[in-house]
Amino acid sequence: MLDKQDLQAIQTMIDTSVNASEERMTAKMDSLEDRMSAKIDATENRILAYIENAVMPNFKLLAEGQQTILQTMARKDRVEALENEVVFLKSVVNYLAQDVAELKKAQ
């Protein structure tokens, strides 16, 4: 039969084994975390480089194109004034066309 010292010795061996397992598991987890962190950092750097080299130049070109369009577009108030002038000129042309038609009839 086992006495108290034997049981304590067994308990000490089990505790030592469990502690060693926990330490190995903790070390492996730390190693995995470090590797994952390194891979995440590398991926992040690649993504940032892609954005900087491929996406941002396209945004700059788009902004330049929009700036060019804005510079060449006529202002809204100017377009409205021209539309009003066209309407007026159409009415004048119609009036003059009627006058010419009446003059031709009179001859």
PDB file of N, CA and C in Angstrom:
ATOM      1  N   MET A   1       0.828  -1.170   0.000  1.00  0.00           N
ATOM      2  CA  MET A   1       0.000   0.000   0.000  1.00  0.00           C
ATOM      3  C   MET A   1       0.883   1.247   0.000  1.00  0.00           C
ATOM      4  N   LEU A   2       0.338   2.335  -0.560  1.00  0.00           N
ATOM      5  CA  LEU A   2       1.086   3.576  -0.657  1.00  0.00           C
ATOM      6  C   LEU A   2       0.866   4.410   0.591  1.00  0.00           C
ATOM      7  N   ASP A   3       1.957   4.947   1.052  1.00  0.00           N
ATOM      8  CA  ASP A   3       1.797   5.819   2.217  1.00  0.00           C
ATOM      9  C   ASP A   3       1.757   7.272   1.773  1.00  0.00           C
ATOM     10  N   LYS A   4       1.700   8.135   2.757  1.00  0.00           N
ATOM     11  CA  LYS A   4       1.536   9.573   2.481  1.00  0.00           C
ATOM     12  C   LYS A   4       2.716  10.115   1.682  1.00  0.00           C
ATOM     13  N   GLN A   5       3.917   9.701   1.970  1.00  0.00           N
ATOM     14  CA  GLN A   5       5.106  10.177   1.248  1.00  0.00           C
ATOM     15  C   GLN A   5       5.073   9.735  -0.219  1.00  0.00           C
ATOM     16  N   ASP A   6       4.642   8.498  -0.444  1.00  0.00           N
ATOM     17  CA  ASP A   6       4.546   8.007  -1.813  1.00  0.00           C
ATOM     18  C   ASP A   6       3.532   8.834  -2.612  1.00  0.00           C
ATOM     19  N   LEU A   7       2.398   9.107  -1.992  1.00  0.00           N
ATOM     20  CA  LEU A   7       1.368   9.912  -2.656  1.00  0.00           C
ATOM     21  C   LEU A   7       1.873  11.323  -2.944  1.00  0.00           C
ATOM     22  N   GLN A   8       2.612  11.885  -1.980  1.00  0.00           N
ATOM     23  CA  GLN A   8       3.169  13.222  -2.199  1.00  0.00           C
ATOM     24  C   GLN A   8       4.202  13.194  -3.326  1.00  0.00           C
ATOM     25  N   ALA A   9       4.982  12.143  -3.384  1.00  0.00           N
ATOM     26  CA  ALA A   9       5.979  12.009  -4.445  1.00  0.00           C
ATOM     27  C   ALA A   9       5.282  11.915  -5.802  1.00  0.00           C
ATOM     28  N   ILE A  10       4.209  11.110  -5.863  1.00  0.00           N
ATOM     29  CA  ILE A  10       3.443  10.985  -7.104  1.00  0.00           C
ATOM     30  C   ILE A  10       2.843  12.339  -7.485  1.00  0.00           C
ATOM     31  N   GLN A  11       2.271  13.039  -6.498  1.00  0.00           N
ATOM     32  CA  GLN A  11       1.679  14.356  -6.749  1.00  0.00           C
ATOM     33  C   GLN A  11       2.733  15.326  -7.258  1.00  0.00           C
ATOM     34  N   THR A  12       3.920  15.284  -6.680  1.00  0.00           N
ATOM     35  CA  THR A  12       5.008  16.160  -7.110  1.00  0.00           C
ATOM     36  C   THR A  12       5.411  15.836  -8.550  1.00  0.00           C
ATOM     37  N   MET A  13       5.496  14.534  -8.894  1.00  0.00           N
ATOM     38  CA  MET A  13       5.830  14.137 -10.258  1.00  0.00           C
ATOM     39  C   MET A  13       4.754  14.613 -11.237  1.00  0.00           C
ATOM     40  N   ILE A  14       3.487  14.461 -10.855  1.00  0.00           N
ATOM     41  CA  ILE A  14       2.391  14.901 -11.726  1.00  0.00           C
ATOM     42  C   ILE A  14       2.447  16.419 -11.901  1.00  0.00           C
ATOM     43  N   ASP A  15       2.635  17.142 -10.794  1.00  0.00           N
ATOM     44  CA  ASP A  15       2.714  18.609 -10.877  1.00  0.00           C
ATOM     45  C   ASP A  15       3.878  19.042 -11.760  1.00  0.00           C
ATOM     46  N   THR A  16       5.009  18.391 -11.625  1.00  0.00           N
ATOM     47  CA  THR A  16       6.181  18.713 -12.431  1.00  0.00           C
ATOM     48  C   THR A  16       5.890  18.453 -13.907  1.00  0.00           C
ATOM     49  N   SER A  17       5.246  17.321 -14.172  1.00  0.00           N
ATOM     50  CA  SER A  17       4.907  16.980 -15.554  1.00  0.00           C
ATOM     51  C   SER A  17       3.917  17.973 -16.141  1.00  0.00           C
ATOM     52  N   VAL A  18       2.896  18.331 -15.354  1.00  0.00           N
ATOM     53  CA  VAL A  18       1.897  19.297 -15.817  1.00  0.00           C
ATOM     54  C   VAL A  18       2.547  20.648 -16.055  1.00  0.00           C
ATOM     55  N   ASN A  19       3.389  21.085 -15.129  1.00  0.00           N
ATOM     56  CA  ASN A  19       4.073  22.378 -15.289  1.00  0.00           C
ATOM     57  C   ASN A  19       4.960  22.380 -16.524  1.00  0.00           C
ATOM     58  N   ALA A  20       5.659  21.273 -16.754  1.00  0.00           N
ATOM     59  CA  ALA A  20       6.517  21.178 -17.929  1.00  0.00           C
ATOM     60  C   ALA A  20       5.664  21.236 -19.200  1.00  0.00           C
ATOM     61  N   SER A  21       4.515  20.542 -19.187  1.00  0.00           N
ATOM     62  CA  SER A  21       3.622  20.570 -20.349  1.00  0.00           C
ATOM     63  C   SER A  21       3.092  21.971 -20.583  1.00  0.00           C
ATOM     64  N   GLU A  22       2.707  22.637 -19.501  1.00  0.00           N
ATOM     65  CA  GLU A  22       2.200  24.012 -19.629  1.00  0.00           C
ATOM     66  C   GLU A  22       3.272  24.929 -20.186  1.00  0.00           C
ATOM     67  N   GLU A  23       4.501  24.765 -19.725  1.00  0.00           N
ATOM     68  CA  GLU A  23       5.592  25.603 -20.216  1.00  0.00           C
ATOM     69  C   GLU A  23       5.848  25.346 -21.699  1.00  0.00           C
ATOM     70  N   ARG A  24       5.825  24.053 -22.110  1.00  0.00           N
ATOM     71  CA  ARG A  24       6.017  23.734 -23.522  1.00  0.00           C
ATOM     72  C   ARG A  24       4.885  24.319 -24.357  1.00  0.00           C
ATOM     73  N   MET A  25       3.659  24.161 -23.856  1.00  0.00           N
ATOM     74  CA  MET A  25       2.504  24.710 -24.584  1.00  0.00           C
ATOM     75  C   MET A  25       2.594  26.230 -24.676  1.00  0.00           C
ATOM     76  N   THR A  26       2.964  26.878 -23.600  1.00  0.00           N
ATOM     77  CA  THR A  26       3.103  28.334 -23.604  1.00  0.00           C
ATOM     78  C   THR A  26       4.194  28.765 -24.585  1.00  0.00           C
ATOM     79  N   ALA A  27       5.298  28.036 -24.593  1.00  0.00           N
ATOM     80  CA  ALA A  27       6.387  28.367 -25.515  1.00  0.00           C
ATOM     81  C   ALA A  27       5.924  28.184 -26.959  1.00  0.00           C
ATOM     82  N   LYS A  28       5.216  27.088 -27.233  1.00  0.00           N
ATOM     83  CA  LYS A  28       4.711  26.878 -28.602  1.00  0.00           C
ATOM     84  C   LYS A  28       3.722  27.961 -28.987  1.00  0.00           C
ATOM     85  N   MET A  29       2.825  28.320 -28.077  1.00  0.00           N
ATOM     86  CA  MET A  29       1.840  29.369 -28.358  1.00  0.00           C
ATOM     87  C   MET A  29       2.542  30.696 -28.624  1.00  0.00           C
ATOM     88  N   ASP A  30       3.542  31.009 -27.818  1.00  0.00           N
ATOM     89  CA  ASP A  30       4.299  32.247 -28.042  1.00  0.00           C
ATOM     90  C   ASP A  30       4.983  32.229 -29.401  1.00  0.00           C
ATOM     91  N   SER A  31       5.551  31.066 -29.752  1.00  0.00           N
ATOM     92  CA  SER A  31       6.208  30.931 -31.049  1.00  0.00           C
ATOM     93  C   SER A  31       5.197  31.104 -32.179  1.00  0.00           C
ATOM     94  N   LEU A  32       4.036  30.477 -32.041  1.00  0.00           N
ATOM     95  CA  LEU A  32       2.989  30.626 -33.054  1.00  0.00           C
ATOM     96  C   LEU A  32       2.518  32.066 -33.169  1.00  0.00           C
ATOM     97  N   GLU A  33       2.336  32.719 -32.032  1.00  0.00           N
ATOM     98  CA  GLU A  33       1.914  34.123 -32.043  1.00  0.00           C
ATOM     99  C   GLU A  33       2.949  34.991 -32.744  1.00  0.00           C
ATOM    100  N   ASP A  34       4.235  34.729 -32.462  1.00  0.00           N
ATOM    101  CA  ASP A  34       5.294  35.513 -33.105  1.00  0.00           C
ATOM    102  C   ASP A  34       5.292  35.298 -34.617  1.00  0.00           C
ATOM    103  N   ARG A  35       5.138  34.028 -35.049  1.00  0.00           N
ATOM    104  CA  ARG A  35       5.113  33.747 -36.482  1.00  0.00           C
ATOM    105  C   ARG A  35       3.898  34.371 -37.149  1.00  0.00           C
ATOM    106  N   MET A  36       2.740  34.263 -36.498  1.00  0.00           N
ATOM    107  CA  MET A  36       1.525  34.861 -37.064  1.00  0.00           C
ATOM    108  C   MET A  36       1.656  36.372 -37.127  1.00  0.00           C
ATOM    109  N   SER A  37       2.201  36.963 -36.084  1.00  0.00           N
ATOM    110  CA  SER A  37       2.387  38.409 -36.069  1.00  0.00           C
ATOM    111  C   SER A  37       3.330  38.842 -37.196  1.00  0.00           C
ATOM    112  N   ALA A  38       4.381  38.077 -37.408  1.00  0.00           N
ATOM    113  CA  ALA A  38       5.324  38.402 -38.481  1.00  0.00           C
ATOM    114  C   ALA A  38       4.646  38.282 -39.842  1.00  0.00           C
ATOM    115  N   LYS A  39       3.827  37.234 -40.028  1.00  0.00           N
ATOM    116  CA  LYS A  39       3.127  37.068 -41.303  1.00  0.00           C
ATOM    117  C   LYS A  39       2.109  38.186 -41.505  1.00  0.00           C
ATOM    118  N   ILE A  40       1.417  38.554 -40.447  1.00  0.00           N
ATOM    119  CA  ILE A  40       0.439  39.646 -40.550  1.00  0.00           C
ATOM    120  C   ILE A  40       1.145  40.949 -40.905  1.00  0.00           C
ATOM    121  N   ASP A  41       2.276  41.208 -40.259  1.00  0.00           N
ATOM    122  CA  ASP A  41       3.033  42.426 -40.567  1.00  0.00           C
ATOM    123  C   ASP A  41       3.512  42.435 -42.019  1.00  0.00           C
ATOM    124  N   ALA A  42       3.984  41.272 -42.497  1.00  0.00           N
ATOM    125  CA  ALA A  42       4.449  41.193 -43.883  1.00  0.00           C
ATOM    126  C   ALA A  42       3.293  41.430 -44.844  1.00  0.00           C
ATOM    127  N   THR A  43       2.148  40.824 -44.543  1.00  0.00           N
ATOM    128  CA  THR A  43       0.972  41.005 -45.398  1.00  0.00           C
ATOM    129  C   THR A  43       0.528  42.465 -45.386  1.00  0.00           C
ATOM    130  N   GLU A  44       0.528  43.065 -44.229  1.00  0.00           N
ATOM    131  CA  GLU A  44       0.146  44.474 -44.110  1.00  0.00           C
ATOM    132  C   GLU A  44       1.083  45.355 -44.929  1.00  0.00           C
ATOM    133  N   ASN A  45       2.366  45.063 -44.867  1.00  0.00           N
ATOM    134  CA  ASN A  45       3.334  45.847 -45.647  1.00  0.00           C
ATOM    135  C   ASN A  45       3.095  45.682 -47.141  1.00  0.00           C
ATOM    136  N   ARG A  46       2.768  44.443 -47.578  1.00  0.00           N
ATOM    137  CA  ARG A  46       2.492  44.221 -49.006  1.00  0.00           C
ATOM    138  C   ARG A  46       1.236  44.968 -49.430  1.00  0.00           C
ATOM    139  N   ILE A  47       0.216  44.942 -48.585  1.00  0.00           N
ATOM    140  CA  ILE A  47      -1.029  45.644 -48.912  1.00  0.00           C
ATOM    141  C   ILE A  47      -0.776  47.148 -49.000  1.00  0.00           C
ATOM    142  N   LEU A  48      -0.056  47.684 -48.038  1.00  0.00           N
ATOM    143  CA  LEU A  48       0.242  49.120 -48.060  1.00  0.00           C
ATOM    144  C   LEU A  48       1.065  49.496 -49.291  1.00  0.00           C
ATOM    145  N   ALA A  49       2.018  48.641 -49.650  1.00  0.00           N
ATOM    146  CA  ALA A  49       2.828  48.918 -50.840  1.00  0.00           C
ATOM    147  C   ALA A  49       1.956  48.884 -52.093  1.00  0.00           C
ATOM    148  N   TYR A  50       1.031  47.918 -52.160  1.00  0.00           N
ATOM    149  CA  TYR A  50       0.129  47.832 -53.315  1.00  0.00           C
ATOM    150  C   TYR A  50      -0.742  49.078 -53.405  1.00  0.00           C
ATOM    151  N   ILE A  51      -1.292  49.484 -52.275  1.00  0.00           N
ATOM    152  CA  ILE A  51      -2.143  50.676 -52.264  1.00  0.00           C
ATOM    153  C   ILE A  51      -1.344  51.894 -52.722  1.00  0.00           C
ATOM    154  N   GLU A  52      -0.136  52.008 -52.196  1.00  0.00           N
ATOM    155  CA  GLU A  52       0.690  53.169 -52.541  1.00  0.00           C
ATOM    156  C   GLU A  52       1.100  53.168 -54.011  1.00  0.00           C
ATOM    157  N   ASN A  53       1.403  51.988 -54.553  1.00  0.00           N
ATOM    158  CA  ASN A  53       1.921  51.917 -55.916  1.00  0.00           C
ATOM    159  C   ASN A  53       0.856  51.748 -56.986  1.00  0.00           C
ATOM    160  N   ALA A  54      -0.265  51.139 -56.660  1.00  0.00           N
ATOM    161  CA  ALA A  54      -1.274  50.857 -57.686  1.00  0.00           C
ATOM    162  C   ALA A  54      -2.534  51.692 -57.524  1.00  0.00           C
ATOM    163  N   VAL A  55      -2.989  51.860 -56.317  1.00  0.00           N
ATOM    164  CA  VAL A  55      -4.278  52.526 -56.105  1.00  0.00           C
ATOM    165  C   VAL A  55      -4.136  54.047 -56.061  1.00  0.00           C
ATOM    166  N   MET A  56      -3.194  54.527 -55.290  1.00  0.00           N
ATOM    167  CA  MET A  56      -3.061  55.976 -55.117  1.00  0.00           C
ATOM    168  C   MET A  56      -2.763  56.711 -56.425  1.00  0.00           C
ATOM    169  N   PRO A  57      -1.895  56.197 -57.294  1.00  0.00           N
ATOM    170  CA  PRO A  57      -1.698  56.902 -58.567  1.00  0.00           C
ATOM    171  C   PRO A  57      -2.987  57.010 -59.376  1.00  0.00           C
ATOM    172  N   ASN A  58      -3.826  55.967 -59.309  1.00  0.00           N
ATOM    173  CA  ASN A  58      -5.099  56.024 -60.029  1.00  0.00           C
ATOM    174  C   ASN A  58      -6.013  57.086 -59.432  1.00  0.00           C
ATOM    175  N   PHE A  59      -6.014  57.205 -58.112  1.00  0.00           N
ATOM    176  CA  PHE A  59      -6.812  58.258 -57.480  1.00  0.00           C
ATOM    177  C   PHE A  59      -6.305  59.635 -57.891  1.00  0.00           C
ATOM    178  N   LYS A  60      -4.985  59.769 -57.977  1.00  0.00           N
ATOM    179  CA  LYS A  60      -4.413  61.056 -58.385  1.00  0.00           C
ATOM    180  C   LYS A  60      -4.820  61.391 -59.820  1.00  0.00           C
ATOM    181  N   LEU A  61      -4.758  60.377 -60.697  1.00  0.00           N
ATOM    182  CA  LEU A  61      -5.177  60.609 -62.083  1.00  0.00           C
ATOM    183  C   LEU A  61      -6.653  60.981 -62.152  1.00  0.00           C
ATOM    184  N   LEU A  62      -7.468  60.307 -61.371  1.00  0.00           N
ATOM    185  CA  LEU A  62      -8.895  60.607 -61.332  1.00  0.00           C
ATOM    186  C   LEU A  62      -9.132  62.036 -60.852  1.00  0.00           C
ATOM    187  N   ALA A  63      -8.427  62.442 -59.816  1.00  0.00           N
ATOM    188  CA  ALA A  63      -8.572  63.801 -59.297  1.00  0.00           C
ATOM    189  C   ALA A  63      -8.126  64.827 -60.328  1.00  0.00           C
ATOM    190  N   GLU A  64      -7.036  64.527 -61.039  1.00  0.00           N
ATOM    191  CA  GLU A  64      -6.574  65.453 -62.075  1.00  0.00           C
ATOM    192  C   GLU A  64      -7.607  65.565 -63.195  1.00  0.00           C
ATOM    193  N   GLY A  65      -8.205  64.440 -63.568  1.00  0.00           N
ATOM    194  CA  GLY A  65      -9.237  64.457 -64.601  1.00  0.00           C
ATOM    195  C   GLY A  65     -10.444  65.262 -64.172  1.00  0.00           C
ATOM    196  N   GLN A  66     -10.841  65.087 -62.932  1.00  0.00           N
ATOM    197  CA  GLN A  66     -11.974  65.865 -62.432  1.00  0.00           C
ATOM    198  C   GLN A  66     -11.640  67.348 -62.396  1.00  0.00           C
ATOM    199  N   GLN A  67     -10.422  67.668 -62.021  1.00  0.00           N
ATOM    200  CA  GLN A  67     -10.006  69.073 -61.985  1.00  0.00           C
ATOM    201  C   GLN A  67     -10.063  69.674 -63.382  1.00  0.00           C
ATOM    202  N   THR A  68      -9.603  68.910 -64.376  1.00  0.00           N
ATOM    203  CA  THR A  68      -9.644  69.386 -65.759  1.00  0.00           C
ATOM    204  C   THR A  68     -11.088  69.611 -66.200  1.00  0.00           C
ATOM    205  N   ILE A  69     -11.964  68.673 -65.871  1.00  0.00           N
ATOM    206  CA  ILE A  69     -13.380  68.814 -66.234  1.00  0.00           C
ATOM    207  C   ILE A  69     -13.971  70.057 -65.573  1.00  0.00           C
ATOM    208  N   LEU A  70     -13.677  70.241 -64.301  1.00  0.00           N
ATOM    209  CA  LEU A  70     -14.213  71.411 -63.595  1.00  0.00           C
ATOM    210  C   LEU A  70     -13.697  72.716 -64.196  1.00  0.00           C
ATOM    211  N   GLN A  71     -12.464  72.721 -64.632  1.00  0.00           N
ATOM    212  CA  GLN A  71     -11.902  73.937 -65.214  1.00  0.00           C
ATOM    213  C   GLN A  71     -12.505  74.242 -66.572  1.00  0.00           C
ATOM    214  N   THR A  72     -12.841  73.203 -67.346  1.00  0.00           N
ATOM    215  CA  THR A  72     -13.356  73.445 -68.698  1.00  0.00           C
ATOM    216  C   THR A  72     -14.872  73.598 -68.735  1.00  0.00           C
ATOM    217  N   MET A  73     -15.552  73.203 -67.699  1.00  0.00           N
ATOM    218  CA  MET A  73     -17.014  73.337 -67.679  1.00  0.00           C
ATOM    219  C   MET A  73     -17.416  74.798 -67.507  1.00  0.00           C
ATOM    220  N   ALA A  74     -18.486  75.150 -68.188  1.00  0.00           N
ATOM    221  CA  ALA A  74     -19.025  76.502 -68.015  1.00  0.00           C
ATOM    222  C   ALA A  74     -19.786  76.552 -66.698  1.00  0.00           C
ATOM    223  N   ARG A  75     -19.728  77.699 -66.073  1.00  0.00           N
ATOM    224  CA  ARG A  75     -20.453  77.858 -64.815  1.00  0.00           C
ATOM    225  C   ARG A  75     -21.951  77.797 -65.071  1.00  0.00           C
ATOM    226  N   LYS A  76     -22.693  77.372 -64.071  1.00  0.00           N
ATOM    227  CA  LYS A  76     -24.130  77.188 -64.209  1.00  0.00           C
ATOM    228  C   LYS A  76     -24.833  78.498 -64.556  1.00  0.00           C
ATOM    229  N   ASP A  77     -24.455  79.571 -63.910  1.00  0.00           N
ATOM    230  CA  ASP A  77     -25.112  80.853 -64.198  1.00  0.00           C
ATOM    231  C   ASP A  77     -24.834  81.305 -65.630  1.00  0.00           C
ATOM    232  N   ARG A  78     -23.631  81.009 -66.125  1.00  0.00           N
ATOM    233  CA  ARG A  78     -23.286  81.360 -67.505  1.00  0.00           C
ATOM    234  C   ARG A  78     -24.122  80.541 -68.487  1.00  0.00           C
ATOM    235  N   VAL A  79     -24.312  79.254 -68.204  1.00  0.00           N
ATOM    236  CA  VAL A  79     -25.117  78.388 -69.070  1.00  0.00           C
ATOM    237  C   VAL A  79     -26.566  78.862 -69.070  1.00  0.00           C
ATOM    238  N   GLU A  80     -27.081  79.209 -67.912  1.00  0.00           N
ATOM    239  CA  GLU A  80     -28.463  79.694 -67.837  1.00  0.00           C
ATOM    240  C   GLU A  80     -28.636  80.985 -68.626  1.00  0.00           C
ATOM    241  N   ALA A  81     -27.657  81.878 -68.540  1.00  0.00           N
ATOM    242  CA  ALA A  81     -27.734  83.136 -69.294  1.00  0.00           C
ATOM    243  C   ALA A  81     -27.727  82.857 -70.797  1.00  0.00           C
ATOM    244  N   LEU A  82     -26.889  81.924 -71.228  1.00  0.00           N
ATOM    245  CA  LEU A  82     -26.843  81.576 -72.649  1.00  0.00           C
ATOM    246  C   LEU A  82     -28.153  80.926 -73.101  1.00  0.00           C
ATOM    247  N   GLU A  83     -28.742  80.088 -72.248  1.00  0.00           N
ATOM    248  CA  GLU A  83     -30.034  79.477 -72.595  1.00  0.00           C
ATOM    249  C   GLU A  83     -31.106  80.541 -72.774  1.00  0.00           C
ATOM    250  N   ASN A  84     -31.138  81.513 -71.888  1.00  0.00           N
ATOM    251  CA  ASN A  84     -32.111  82.604 -72.003  1.00  0.00           C
ATOM    252  C   ASN A  84     -31.891  83.394 -73.295  1.00  0.00           C
ATOM    253  N   GLU A  85     -30.625  83.614 -73.623  1.00  0.00           N
ATOM    254  CA  GLU A  85     -30.301  84.354 -74.840  1.00  0.00           C
ATOM    255  C   GLU A  85     -30.735  83.576 -76.085  1.00  0.00           C
ATOM    256  N   VAL A  86     -30.547  82.253 -76.062  1.00  0.00           N
ATOM    257  CA  VAL A  86     -30.965  81.415 -77.190  1.00  0.00           C
ATOM    258  C   VAL A  86     -32.477  81.472 -77.351  1.00  0.00           C
ATOM    259  N   VAL A  87     -33.211  81.409 -76.256  1.00  0.00           N
ATOM    260  CA  VAL A  87     -34.675  81.487 -76.330  1.00  0.00           C
ATOM    261  C   VAL A  87     -35.090  82.819 -76.947  1.00  0.00           C
ATOM    262  N   PHE A  88     -34.450  83.905 -76.528  1.00  0.00           N
ATOM    263  CA  PHE A  88     -34.756  85.225 -77.061  1.00  0.00           C
ATOM    264  C   PHE A  88     -34.443  85.285 -78.560  1.00  0.00           C
ATOM    265  N   LEU A  89     -33.263  84.766 -78.930  1.00  0.00           N
ATOM    266  CA  LEU A  89     -32.870  84.805 -80.345  1.00  0.00           C
ATOM    267  C   LEU A  89     -33.817  83.963 -81.203  1.00  0.00           C
ATOM    268  N   LYS A  90     -34.297  82.834 -80.678  1.00  0.00           N
ATOM    269  CA  LYS A  90     -35.256  82.022 -81.432  1.00  0.00           C
ATOM    270  C   LYS A  90     -36.536  82.811 -81.694  1.00  0.00           C
ATOM    271  N   SER A  91     -36.999  83.532 -80.699  1.00  0.00           N
ATOM    272  CA  SER A  91     -38.227  84.309 -80.886  1.00  0.00           C
ATOM    273  C   SER A  91     -38.005  85.428 -81.908  1.00  0.00           C
ATOM    274  N   VAL A  92     -36.834  86.047 -81.881  1.00  0.00           N
ATOM    275  CA  VAL A  92     -36.518  87.102 -82.853  1.00  0.00           C
ATOM    276  C   VAL A  92     -36.461  86.513 -84.258  1.00  0.00           C
ATOM    277  N   VAL A  93     -35.815  85.356 -84.413  1.00  0.00           N
ATOM    278  CA  VAL A  93     -35.716  84.709 -85.725  1.00  0.00           C
ATOM    279  C   VAL A  93     -37.102  84.345 -86.228  1.00  0.00           C
ATOM    280  N   ASN A  94     -37.957  83.821 -85.372  1.00  0.00           N
ATOM    281  CA  ASN A  94     -39.328  83.486 -85.786  1.00  0.00           C
ATOM    282  C   ASN A  94     -40.086  84.739 -86.236  1.00  0.00           C
ATOM    283  N   TYR A  95     -39.928  85.829 -85.494  1.00  0.00           N
ATOM    284  CA  TYR A  95     -40.596  87.084 -85.840  1.00  0.00           C
ATOM    285  C   TYR A  95     -40.112  87.582 -87.203  1.00  0.00           C
ATOM    286  N   LEU A  96     -38.768  87.554 -87.397  1.00  0.00           N
ATOM    287  CA  LEU A  96     -38.216  88.016 -88.666  1.00  0.00           C
ATOM    288  C   LEU A  96     -38.623  87.096 -89.820  1.00  0.00           C
ATOM    289  N   ALA A  97     -38.719  85.804 -89.567  1.00  0.00           N
ATOM    290  CA  ALA A  97     -39.149  84.860 -90.605  1.00  0.00           C
ATOM    291  C   ALA A  97     -40.587  85.160 -91.018  1.00  0.00           C
ATOM    292  N   GLN A  98     -41.425  85.503 -90.053  1.00  0.00           N
ATOM    293  CA  GLN A  98     -42.815  85.868 -90.379  1.00  0.00           C
ATOM    294  C   GLN A  98     -42.844  87.157 -91.200  1.00  0.00           C
ATOM    295  N   ASP A  99     -42.009  88.119 -90.820  1.00  0.00           N
ATOM    296  CA  ASP A  99     -41.949  89.380 -91.594  1.00  0.00           C
ATOM    297  C   ASP A  99     -41.515  89.116 -93.034  1.00  0.00           C
ATOM    298  N   VAL A 100     -40.521  88.292 -93.212  1.00  0.00           N
ATOM    299  CA  VAL A 100     -40.036  87.982 -94.563  1.00  0.00           C
ATOM    300  C   VAL A 100     -41.142  87.287 -95.342  1.00  0.00           C
ATOM    301  N   ALA A 101     -41.834  86.364 -94.681  1.00  0.00           N
ATOM    302  CA  ALA A 101     -42.908  85.649 -95.372  1.00  0.00           C
ATOM    303  C   ALA A 101     -44.015  86.643 -95.797  1.00  0.00           C
ATOM    304  N   GLU A 102     -44.346  87.579 -94.952  1.00  0.00           N
ATOM    305  CA  GLU A 102     -45.383  88.575 -95.284  1.00  0.00           C
ATOM    306  C   GLU A 102     -44.935  89.482 -96.431  1.00  0.00           C
ATOM    307  N   LEU A 103     -43.643  89.874 -96.406  1.00  0.00           N
ATOM    308  CA  LEU A 103     -43.105  90.713 -97.470  1.00  0.00           C
ATOM    309  C   LEU A 103     -43.107  89.971 -98.812  1.00  0.00           C
ATOM    310  N   LYS A 104     -42.825  88.685 -98.783  1.00  0.00           N
ATOM    311  CA  LYS A 104     -42.843  87.903-100.015  1.00  0.00           C
ATOM    312  C   LYS A 104     -44.271  87.798-100.558  1.00  0.00           C
ATOM    313  N   LYS A 105     -45.239  87.678 -99.666  1.00  0.00           N
ATOM    314  CA  LYS A 105     -46.634  87.612-100.092  1.00  0.00           C
ATOM    315  C   LYS A 105     -47.064  88.958-100.695  1.00  0.00           C
ATOM    316  N   ALA A 106     -46.560  90.033-100.142  1.00  0.00           N
ATOM    317  CA  ALA A 106     -46.959  91.359-100.596  1.00  0.00           C
ATOM    318  C   ALA A 106     -46.387  91.660-101.995  1.00  0.00           C
ATOM    319  N   GLN A 107     -45.331  91.056-102.380  1.00  0.00           N
ATOM    320  CA  GLN A 107     -44.734  91.343-103.685  1.00  0.00           C
ATOM    321  C   GLN A 107     -45.507  90.718-104.736  1.00  0.00           C
TER     322      GLN A 107
END
